[in-house]
PDB file of N, CA and C in Angstrom:
ATOM      1  N   UNK A   1     -70.598  54.422 -15.483  1.00  0.00           N
ATOM      2  CA  UNK A   1     -71.251  54.761 -14.239  1.00  0.00           C
ATOM      3  C   UNK A   1     -71.950  56.105 -14.415  1.00  0.00           C
ATOM      4  N   UNK A   2     -73.183  56.211 -13.986  1.00  0.00           N
ATOM      5  CA  UNK A   2     -73.936  57.444 -14.125  1.00  0.00           C
ATOM      6  C   UNK A   2     -73.629  58.394 -12.983  1.00  0.00           C
ATOM      7  N   UNK A   3     -73.824  59.664 -13.259  1.00  0.00           N
ATOM      8  CA  UNK A   3     -73.596  60.673 -12.236  1.00  0.00           C
ATOM      9  C   UNK A   3     -74.883  60.911 -11.455  1.00  0.00           C
ATOM     10  N   UNK A   4     -74.722  61.199 -10.201  1.00  0.00           N
ATOM     11  CA  UNK A   4     -75.857  61.531  -9.346  1.00  0.00           C
ATOM     12  C   UNK A   4     -75.902  63.053  -9.261  1.00  0.00           C
ATOM     13  N   UNK A   5     -76.927  63.656  -9.825  1.00  0.00           N
ATOM     14  CA  UNK A   5     -77.067  65.112  -9.828  1.00  0.00           C
ATOM     15  C   UNK A   5     -78.073  65.512  -8.751  1.00  0.00           C
ATOM     16  N   UNK A   6     -77.669  66.445  -7.899  1.00  0.00           N
ATOM     17  CA  UNK A   6     -78.548  66.943  -6.838  1.00  0.00           C
ATOM     18  C   UNK A   6     -78.538  68.462  -6.851  1.00  0.00           C
ATOM     19  N   UNK A   7     -79.623  69.068  -6.403  1.00  0.00           N
ATOM     20  CA  UNK A   7     -79.634  70.529  -6.314  1.00  0.00           C
ATOM     21  C   UNK A   7     -78.959  70.956  -5.008  1.00  0.00           C
ATOM     22  N   UNK A   8     -78.685  72.238  -4.889  1.00  0.00           N
ATOM     23  CA  UNK A   8     -77.922  72.723  -3.736  1.00  0.00           C
ATOM     24  C   UNK A   8     -78.655  72.491  -2.413  1.00  0.00           C
ATOM     25  N   UNK A   9     -79.954  72.671  -2.402  1.00  0.00           N
ATOM     26  CA  UNK A   9     -80.714  72.464  -1.159  1.00  0.00           C
ATOM     27  C   UNK A   9     -80.609  71.003  -0.707  1.00  0.00           C
ATOM     28  N   UNK A  10     -80.772  70.067  -1.651  1.00  0.00           N
ATOM     29  CA  UNK A  10     -80.657  68.643  -1.321  1.00  0.00           C
ATOM     30  C   UNK A  10     -79.236  68.304  -0.872  1.00  0.00           C
ATOM     31  N   UNK A  11     -78.248  68.916  -1.517  1.00  0.00           N
ATOM     32  CA  UNK A  11     -76.851  68.659  -1.159  1.00  0.00           C
ATOM     33  C   UNK A  11     -76.579  69.102   0.284  1.00  0.00           C
ATOM     34  N   UNK A  12     -77.131  70.251   0.679  1.00  0.00           N
ATOM     35  CA  UNK A  12     -76.937  70.712   2.056  1.00  0.00           C
ATOM     36  C   UNK A  12     -77.573  69.745   3.054  1.00  0.00           C
ATOM     37  N   UNK A  13     -78.719  69.202   2.702  1.00  0.00           N
ATOM     38  CA  UNK A  13     -79.442  68.308   3.601  1.00  0.00           C
ATOM     39  C   UNK A  13     -78.806  66.929   3.697  1.00  0.00           C
ATOM     40  N   UNK A  14     -78.150  66.475   2.601  1.00  0.00           N
ATOM     41  CA  UNK A  14     -77.648  65.096   2.533  1.00  0.00           C
ATOM     42  C   UNK A  14     -76.135  65.035   2.294  1.00  0.00           C
ATOM     43  N   UNK A  15     -75.393  66.017   2.758  1.00  0.00           N
ATOM     44  CA  UNK A  15     -73.962  66.091   2.443  1.00  0.00           C
ATOM     45  C   UNK A  15     -73.201  64.833   2.856  1.00  0.00           C
ATOM     46  N   UNK A  16     -73.420  64.340   4.050  1.00  0.00           N
ATOM     47  CA  UNK A  16     -72.691  63.148   4.510  1.00  0.00           C
ATOM     48  C   UNK A  16     -72.947  61.959   3.601  1.00  0.00           C
ATOM     49  N   UNK A  17     -74.194  61.771   3.206  1.00  0.00           N
ATOM     50  CA  UNK A  17     -74.542  60.657   2.323  1.00  0.00           C
ATOM     51  C   UNK A  17     -73.889  60.828   0.946  1.00  0.00           C
ATOM     52  N   UNK A  18     -73.866  62.056   0.427  1.00  0.00           N
ATOM     53  CA  UNK A  18     -73.257  62.312  -0.876  1.00  0.00           C
ATOM     54  C   UNK A  18     -71.747  62.082  -0.839  1.00  0.00           C
ATOM     55  N   UNK A  19     -71.129  62.421   0.274  1.00  0.00           N
ATOM     56  CA  UNK A  19     -69.694  62.174   0.423  1.00  0.00           C
ATOM     57  C   UNK A  19     -69.415  60.672   0.409  1.00  0.00           C
ATOM     58  N   UNK A  20     -70.251  59.896   1.082  1.00  0.00           N
ATOM     59  CA  UNK A  20     -70.080  58.436   1.052  1.00  0.00           C
ATOM     60  C   UNK A  20     -70.233  57.894  -0.367  1.00  0.00           C
ATOM     61  N   UNK A  21     -71.167  58.448  -1.137  1.00  0.00           N
ATOM     62  CA  UNK A  21     -71.332  58.017  -2.527  1.00  0.00           C
ATOM     63  C   UNK A  21     -70.067  58.312  -3.338  1.00  0.00           C
ATOM     64  N   UNK A  22     -69.504  59.496  -3.133  1.00  0.00           N
ATOM     65  CA  UNK A  22     -68.285  59.859  -3.846  1.00  0.00           C
ATOM     66  C   UNK A  22     -67.131  58.936  -3.459  1.00  0.00           C
ATOM     67  N   UNK A  23     -67.033  58.614  -2.177  1.00  0.00           N
ATOM     68  CA  UNK A  23     -65.986  57.699  -1.715  1.00  0.00           C
ATOM     69  C   UNK A  23     -66.140  56.327  -2.363  1.00  0.00           C
ATOM     70  N   UNK A  24     -67.380  55.949  -2.653  1.00  0.00           N
ATOM     71  CA  UNK A  24     -67.643  54.651  -3.277  1.00  0.00           C
ATOM     72  C   UNK A  24     -67.376  54.674  -4.778  1.00  0.00           C
ATOM     73  N   UNK A  25     -67.037  55.849  -5.326  1.00  0.00           N
ATOM     74  CA  UNK A  25     -66.679  55.936  -6.739  1.00  0.00           C
ATOM     75  C   UNK A  25     -67.761  56.511  -7.638  1.00  0.00           C
ATOM     76  N   UNK A  26     -68.883  56.906  -7.094  1.00  0.00           N
ATOM     77  CA  UNK A  26     -69.957  57.468  -7.908  1.00  0.00           C
ATOM     78  C   UNK A  26     -69.763  58.974  -8.056  1.00  0.00           C
ATOM     79  N   UNK A  27     -69.976  59.495  -9.276  1.00  0.00           N
ATOM     80  CA  UNK A  27     -69.889  60.940  -9.495  1.00  0.00           C
ATOM     81  C   UNK A  27     -71.084  61.628  -8.851  1.00  0.00           C
ATOM     82  N   UNK A  28     -70.805  62.668  -8.070  1.00  0.00           N
ATOM     83  CA  UNK A  28     -71.867  63.442  -7.448  1.00  0.00           C
ATOM     84  C   UNK A  28     -71.720  64.878  -7.942  1.00  0.00           C
ATOM     85  N   UNK A  29     -72.732  65.356  -8.651  1.00  0.00           N
ATOM     86  CA  UNK A  29     -72.697  66.697  -9.218  1.00  0.00           C
ATOM     87  C   UNK A  29     -73.765  67.534  -8.532  1.00  0.00           C
ATOM     88  N   UNK A  30     -73.361  68.733  -8.105  1.00  0.00           N
ATOM     89  CA  UNK A  30     -74.284  69.652  -7.463  1.00  0.00           C
ATOM     90  C   UNK A  30     -74.684  70.707  -8.496  1.00  0.00           C
ATOM     91  N   UNK A  31     -75.996  70.921  -8.622  1.00  0.00           N
ATOM     92  CA  UNK A  31     -76.508  71.860  -9.617  1.00  0.00           C
ATOM     93  C   UNK A  31     -77.278  72.990  -8.944  1.00  0.00           C
ATOM     94  N   UNK A  32     -77.212  74.147  -9.581  1.00  0.00           N
ATOM     95  CA  UNK A  32     -78.004  75.294  -9.140  1.00  0.00           C
ATOM     96  C   UNK A  32     -78.887  75.691 -10.314  1.00  0.00           C
ATOM     97  N   UNK A  33     -80.181  75.678 -10.084  1.00  0.00           N
ATOM     98  CA  UNK A  33     -81.155  75.981 -11.138  1.00  0.00           C
ATOM     99  C   UNK A  33     -80.959  75.081 -12.360  1.00  0.00           C
ATOM    100  N   UNK A  34     -80.617  73.827 -12.107  1.00  0.00           N
ATOM    101  CA  UNK A  34     -80.478  72.860 -13.189  1.00  0.00           C
ATOM    102  C   UNK A  34     -79.147  72.889 -13.921  1.00  0.00           C
ATOM    103  N   UNK A  35     -78.238  73.774 -13.532  1.00  0.00           N
ATOM    104  CA  UNK A  35     -76.924  73.881 -14.180  1.00  0.00           C
ATOM    105  C   UNK A  35     -75.840  73.370 -13.234  1.00  0.00           C
ATOM    106  N   UNK A  36     -75.018  72.427 -13.671  1.00  0.00           N
ATOM    107  CA  UNK A  36     -73.952  71.901 -12.806  1.00  0.00           C
ATOM    108  C   UNK A  36     -72.995  73.011 -12.384  1.00  0.00           C
ATOM    109  N   UNK A  37     -72.668  73.040 -11.090  1.00  0.00           N
ATOM    110  CA  UNK A  37     -71.747  74.054 -10.578  1.00  0.00           C
ATOM    111  C   UNK A  37     -70.590  73.471  -9.767  1.00  0.00           C
ATOM    112  N   UNK A  38     -70.743  72.231  -9.279  1.00  0.00           N
ATOM    113  CA  UNK A  38     -69.678  71.636  -8.460  1.00  0.00           C
ATOM    114  C   UNK A  38     -69.748  70.121  -8.575  1.00  0.00           C
ATOM    115  N   UNK A  39     -68.626  69.501  -8.217  1.00  0.00           N
ATOM    116  CA  UNK A  39     -68.555  68.043  -8.259  1.00  0.00           C
ATOM    117  C   UNK A  39     -67.865  67.559  -6.986  1.00  0.00           C
ATOM    118  N   UNK A  40     -68.450  66.572  -6.346  1.00  0.00           N
ATOM    119  CA  UNK A  40     -67.836  65.973  -5.157  1.00  0.00           C
ATOM    120  C   UNK A  40     -67.073  64.739  -5.628  1.00  0.00           C
ATOM    121  N   UNK A  41     -65.783  64.726  -5.341  1.00  0.00           N
ATOM    122  CA  UNK A  41     -64.926  63.607  -5.743  1.00  0.00           C
ATOM    123  C   UNK A  41     -64.168  63.098  -4.525  1.00  0.00           C
ATOM    124  N   UNK A  42     -63.766  61.827  -4.540  1.00  0.00           N
ATOM    125  CA  UNK A  42     -62.995  61.325  -3.395  1.00  0.00           C
ATOM    126  C   UNK A  42     -61.576  61.900  -3.395  1.00  0.00           C
ATOM    127  N   UNK A  43     -61.013  62.011  -2.218  1.00  0.00           N
ATOM    128  CA  UNK A  43     -59.627  62.460  -2.079  1.00  0.00           C
ATOM    129  C   UNK A  43     -58.731  61.362  -2.641  1.00  0.00           C
ATOM    130  N   UNK A  44     -57.739  61.713  -3.471  1.00  0.00           N
ATOM    131  CA  UNK A  44     -56.892  60.667  -4.055  1.00  0.00           C
ATOM    132  C   UNK A  44     -56.036  59.984  -2.990  1.00  0.00           C
ATOM    133  N   UNK A  45     -55.705  58.711  -3.204  1.00  0.00           N
ATOM    134  CA  UNK A  45     -54.852  58.017  -2.233  1.00  0.00           C
ATOM    135  C   UNK A  45     -53.451  58.621  -2.239  1.00  0.00           C
ATOM    136  N   UNK A  46     -52.752  58.525  -1.125  1.00  0.00           N
ATOM    137  CA  UNK A  46     -51.395  59.102  -1.080  1.00  0.00           C
ATOM    138  C   UNK A  46     -50.466  58.363  -2.026  1.00  0.00           C
ATOM    139  N   UNK A  47     -49.561  59.110  -2.605  1.00  0.00           N
ATOM    140  CA  UNK A  47     -48.559  58.511  -3.484  1.00  0.00           C
ATOM    141  C   UNK A  47     -47.487  57.839  -2.640  1.00  0.00           C
ATOM    142  N   UNK A  48     -46.922  56.762  -3.164  1.00  0.00           N
ATOM    143  CA  UNK A  48     -45.817  56.150  -2.411  1.00  0.00           C
ATOM    144  C   UNK A  48     -44.632  57.106  -2.383  1.00  0.00           C
ATOM    145  N   UNK A  49     -43.830  57.058  -1.331  1.00  0.00           N
ATOM    146  CA  UNK A  49     -42.684  57.974  -1.253  1.00  0.00           C
ATOM    147  C   UNK A  49     -41.681  57.695  -2.371  1.00  0.00           C
ATOM    148  N   UNK A  50     -41.060  58.753  -2.837  1.00  0.00           N
ATOM    149  CA  UNK A  50     -40.060  58.619  -3.895  1.00  0.00           C
ATOM    150  C   UNK A  50     -38.765  58.068  -3.313  1.00  0.00           C
ATOM    151  N   UNK A  51     -38.111  57.246  -4.117  1.00  0.00           N
ATOM    152  CA  UNK A  51     -36.835  56.686  -3.688  1.00  0.00           C
ATOM    153  C   UNK A  51     -35.719  57.338  -4.495  1.00  0.00           C
ATOM    154  N   UNK A  52     -34.725  57.811  -3.800  1.00  0.00           N
ATOM    155  CA  UNK A  52     -33.585  58.411  -4.467  1.00  0.00           C
ATOM    156  C   UNK A  52     -32.843  57.355  -5.276  1.00  0.00           C
ATOM    157  N   UNK A  53     -32.526  57.682  -6.509  1.00  0.00           N
ATOM    158  CA  UNK A  53     -31.767  56.768  -7.357  1.00  0.00           C
ATOM    159  C   UNK A  53     -32.599  55.674  -7.994  1.00  0.00           C
ATOM    160  N   UNK A  54     -33.909  55.852  -8.053  1.00  0.00           N
ATOM    161  CA  UNK A  54     -34.770  54.812  -8.607  1.00  0.00           C
ATOM    162  C   UNK A  54     -34.485  54.538 -10.083  1.00  0.00           C
ATOM    163  N   UNK A  55     -33.944  55.517 -10.803  1.00  0.00           N
ATOM    164  CA  UNK A  55     -33.668  55.344 -12.233  1.00  0.00           C
ATOM    165  C   UNK A  55     -32.206  54.951 -12.503  1.00  0.00           C
ATOM    166  N   UNK A  56     -31.444  54.696 -11.455  1.00  0.00           N
ATOM    167  CA  UNK A  56     -30.047  54.317 -11.625  1.00  0.00           C
ATOM    168  C   UNK A  56     -29.946  53.045 -12.456  1.00  0.00           C
ATOM    169  N   UNK A  57     -29.091  53.061 -13.448  1.00  0.00           N
ATOM    170  CA  UNK A  57     -28.834  51.946 -14.357  1.00  0.00           C
ATOM    171  C   UNK A  57     -30.039  51.598 -15.241  1.00  0.00           C
ATOM    172  N   UNK A  58     -31.038  52.442 -15.303  1.00  0.00           N
ATOM    173  CA  UNK A  58     -32.182  52.198 -16.184  1.00  0.00           C
ATOM    174  C   UNK A  58     -32.153  53.088 -17.416  1.00  0.00           C
ATOM    175  N   UNK A  59     -31.400  54.173 -17.352  1.00  0.00           N
ATOM    176  CA  UNK A  59     -31.337  55.118 -18.456  1.00  0.00           C
ATOM    177  C   UNK A  59     -29.924  55.116 -19.007  1.00  0.00           C
ATOM    178  N   UNK A  60     -29.839  54.926 -20.304  1.00  0.00           N
ATOM    179  CA  UNK A  60     -28.529  54.971 -20.947  1.00  0.00           C
ATOM    180  C   UNK A  60     -28.376  56.297 -21.679  1.00  0.00           C
ATOM    181  N   UNK A  61     -27.206  56.852 -21.592  1.00  0.00           N
ATOM    182  CA  UNK A  61     -26.940  58.078 -22.329  1.00  0.00           C
ATOM    183  C   UNK A  61     -25.508  58.031 -22.830  1.00  0.00           C
ATOM    184  N   UNK A  62     -25.276  58.834 -23.817  1.00  0.00           N
ATOM    185  CA  UNK A  62     -23.969  58.840 -24.438  1.00  0.00           C
ATOM    186  C   UNK A  62     -23.325  60.212 -24.253  1.00  0.00           C
ATOM    187  N   UNK A  63     -22.029  60.228 -24.149  1.00  0.00           N
ATOM    188  CA  UNK A  63     -21.316  61.495 -24.046  1.00  0.00           C
ATOM    189  C   UNK A  63     -20.925  62.000 -25.430  1.00  0.00           C
ATOM    190  N   UNK A  64     -21.326  61.277 -26.477  1.00  0.00           N
ATOM    191  CA  UNK A  64     -21.031  61.662 -27.855  1.00  0.00           C
ATOM    192  C   UNK A  64     -21.851  62.894 -28.213  1.00  0.00           C
ATOM    193  N   UNK A  65     -21.187  64.014 -28.358  1.00  0.00           N
ATOM    194  CA  UNK A  65     -21.873  65.247 -28.705  1.00  0.00           C
ATOM    195  C   UNK A  65     -21.544  65.628 -30.135  1.00  0.00           C
ATOM    196  N   UNK A  66     -22.515  66.142 -30.804  1.00  0.00           N
ATOM    197  CA  UNK A  66     -22.320  66.578 -32.180  1.00  0.00           C
ATOM    198  C   UNK A  66     -22.049  68.068 -32.150  1.00  0.00           C
ATOM    199  N   UNK A  67     -20.955  68.448 -32.744  1.00  0.00           N
ATOM    200  CA  UNK A  67     -20.592  69.857 -32.798  1.00  0.00           C
ATOM    201  C   UNK A  67     -21.388  70.582 -33.869  1.00  0.00           C
ATOM    202  N   UNK A  68     -21.128  71.887 -34.030  1.00  0.00           N
ATOM    203  CA  UNK A  68     -21.859  72.656 -35.030  1.00  0.00           C
ATOM    204  C   UNK A  68     -21.545  72.149 -36.442  1.00  0.00           C
ATOM    205  N   UNK A  69     -22.552  72.131 -37.270  1.00  0.00           N
ATOM    206  CA  UNK A  69     -22.414  71.691 -38.656  1.00  0.00           C
ATOM    207  C   UNK A  69     -22.215  72.930 -39.515  1.00  0.00           C
ATOM    208  N   UNK A  70     -21.117  72.989 -40.238  1.00  0.00           N
ATOM    209  CA  UNK A  70     -20.796  74.164 -41.051  1.00  0.00           C
ATOM    210  C   UNK A  70     -21.862  74.437 -42.107  1.00  0.00           C
ATOM    211  N   UNK A  71     -22.425  73.389 -42.699  1.00  0.00           N
ATOM    212  CA  UNK A  71     -23.450  73.581 -43.726  1.00  0.00           C
ATOM    213  C   UNK A  71     -24.722  74.192 -43.130  1.00  0.00           C
ATOM    214  N   UNK A  72     -25.105  73.711 -41.970  1.00  0.00           N
ATOM    215  CA  UNK A  72     -26.301  74.250 -41.319  1.00  0.00           C
ATOM    216  C   UNK A  72     -26.067  75.694 -40.899  1.00  0.00           C
ATOM    217  N   UNK A  73     -24.901  75.981 -40.335  1.00  0.00           N
ATOM    218  CA  UNK A  73     -24.576  77.347 -39.928  1.00  0.00           C
ATOM    219  C   UNK A  73     -24.614  78.280 -41.137  1.00  0.00           C
ATOM    220  N   UNK A  74     -24.113  77.826 -42.283  1.00  0.00           N
ATOM    221  CA  UNK A  74     -24.119  78.649 -43.498  1.00  0.00           C
ATOM    222  C   UNK A  74     -25.556  78.929 -43.940  1.00  0.00           C
ATOM    223  N   UNK A  75     -26.438  77.949 -43.838  1.00  0.00           N
ATOM    224  CA  UNK A  75     -27.843  78.157 -44.208  1.00  0.00           C
ATOM    225  C   UNK A  75     -28.512  79.186 -43.292  1.00  0.00           C
ATOM    226  N   UNK A  76     -28.194  79.142 -41.989  1.00  0.00           N
ATOM    227  CA  UNK A  76     -28.746  80.137 -41.068  1.00  0.00           C
ATOM    228  C   UNK A  76     -28.238  81.532 -41.412  1.00  0.00           C
ATOM    229  N   UNK A  77     -26.954  81.649 -41.702  1.00  0.00           N
ATOM    230  CA  UNK A  77     -26.377  82.946 -42.069  1.00  0.00           C
ATOM    231  C   UNK A  77     -27.033  83.488 -43.328  1.00  0.00           C
ATOM    232  N   UNK A  78     -27.219  82.619 -44.318  1.00  0.00           N
ATOM    233  CA  UNK A  78     -27.849  83.026 -45.574  1.00  0.00           C
ATOM    234  C   UNK A  78     -29.283  83.482 -45.327  1.00  0.00           C
ATOM    235  N   UNK A  79     -29.998  82.752 -44.484  1.00  0.00           N
ATOM    236  CA  UNK A  79     -31.374  83.109 -44.154  1.00  0.00           C
ATOM    237  C   UNK A  79     -31.430  84.454 -43.428  1.00  0.00           C
ATOM    238  N   UNK A  80     -30.510  84.688 -42.517  1.00  0.00           N
ATOM    239  CA  UNK A  80     -30.489  85.944 -41.771  1.00  0.00           C
ATOM    240  C   UNK A  80     -30.189  87.107 -42.707  1.00  0.00           C
ATOM    241  N   UNK A  81     -29.266  86.917 -43.644  1.00  0.00           N
ATOM    242  CA  UNK A  81     -28.934  88.000 -44.594  1.00  0.00           C
ATOM    243  C   UNK A  81     -30.130  88.298 -45.497  1.00  0.00           C
ATOM    244  N   UNK A  82     -30.854  87.282 -45.931  1.00  0.00           N
ATOM    245  CA  UNK A  82     -31.988  87.525 -46.824  1.00  0.00           C
ATOM    246  C   UNK A  82     -33.131  88.211 -46.090  1.00  0.00           C
ATOM    247  N   UNK A  83     -33.265  88.000 -44.765  1.00  0.00           N
ATOM    248  CA  UNK A  83     -34.306  88.678 -43.993  1.00  0.00           C
ATOM    249  C   UNK A  83     -34.016  90.150 -43.830  1.00  0.00           C
ATOM    250  N   UNK A  84     -32.733  90.537 -43.842  1.00  0.00           N
ATOM    251  CA  UNK A  84     -32.357  91.925 -43.654  1.00  0.00           C
ATOM    252  C   UNK A  84     -32.533  92.745 -44.920  1.00  0.00           C
ATOM    253  N   UNK A  85     -32.531  92.081 -46.077  1.00  0.00           N
ATOM    254  CA  UNK A  85     -32.641  92.843 -47.322  1.00  0.00           C
ATOM    255  C   UNK A  85     -34.058  93.085 -47.732  1.00  0.00           C
TER     256      UNK A  85
END
């Protein structure tokens, strides 16, 4: 879909018509001295209300936690000591 580019003077004169074009899904760009400065877009439709508990029983998780790994901790300690020297 192509954009409809209008200058500011034309936009002031035809604002209602340009708003209807935007509502219909057409891009309306307002330009000043040939440079785009604004865009008229339709207001987005309202979002449906959120429902509490919508994700209940849809997400699985485990209580299995991995504790600290001694080998990894040793590598961090070694790295920290080498940075200090």
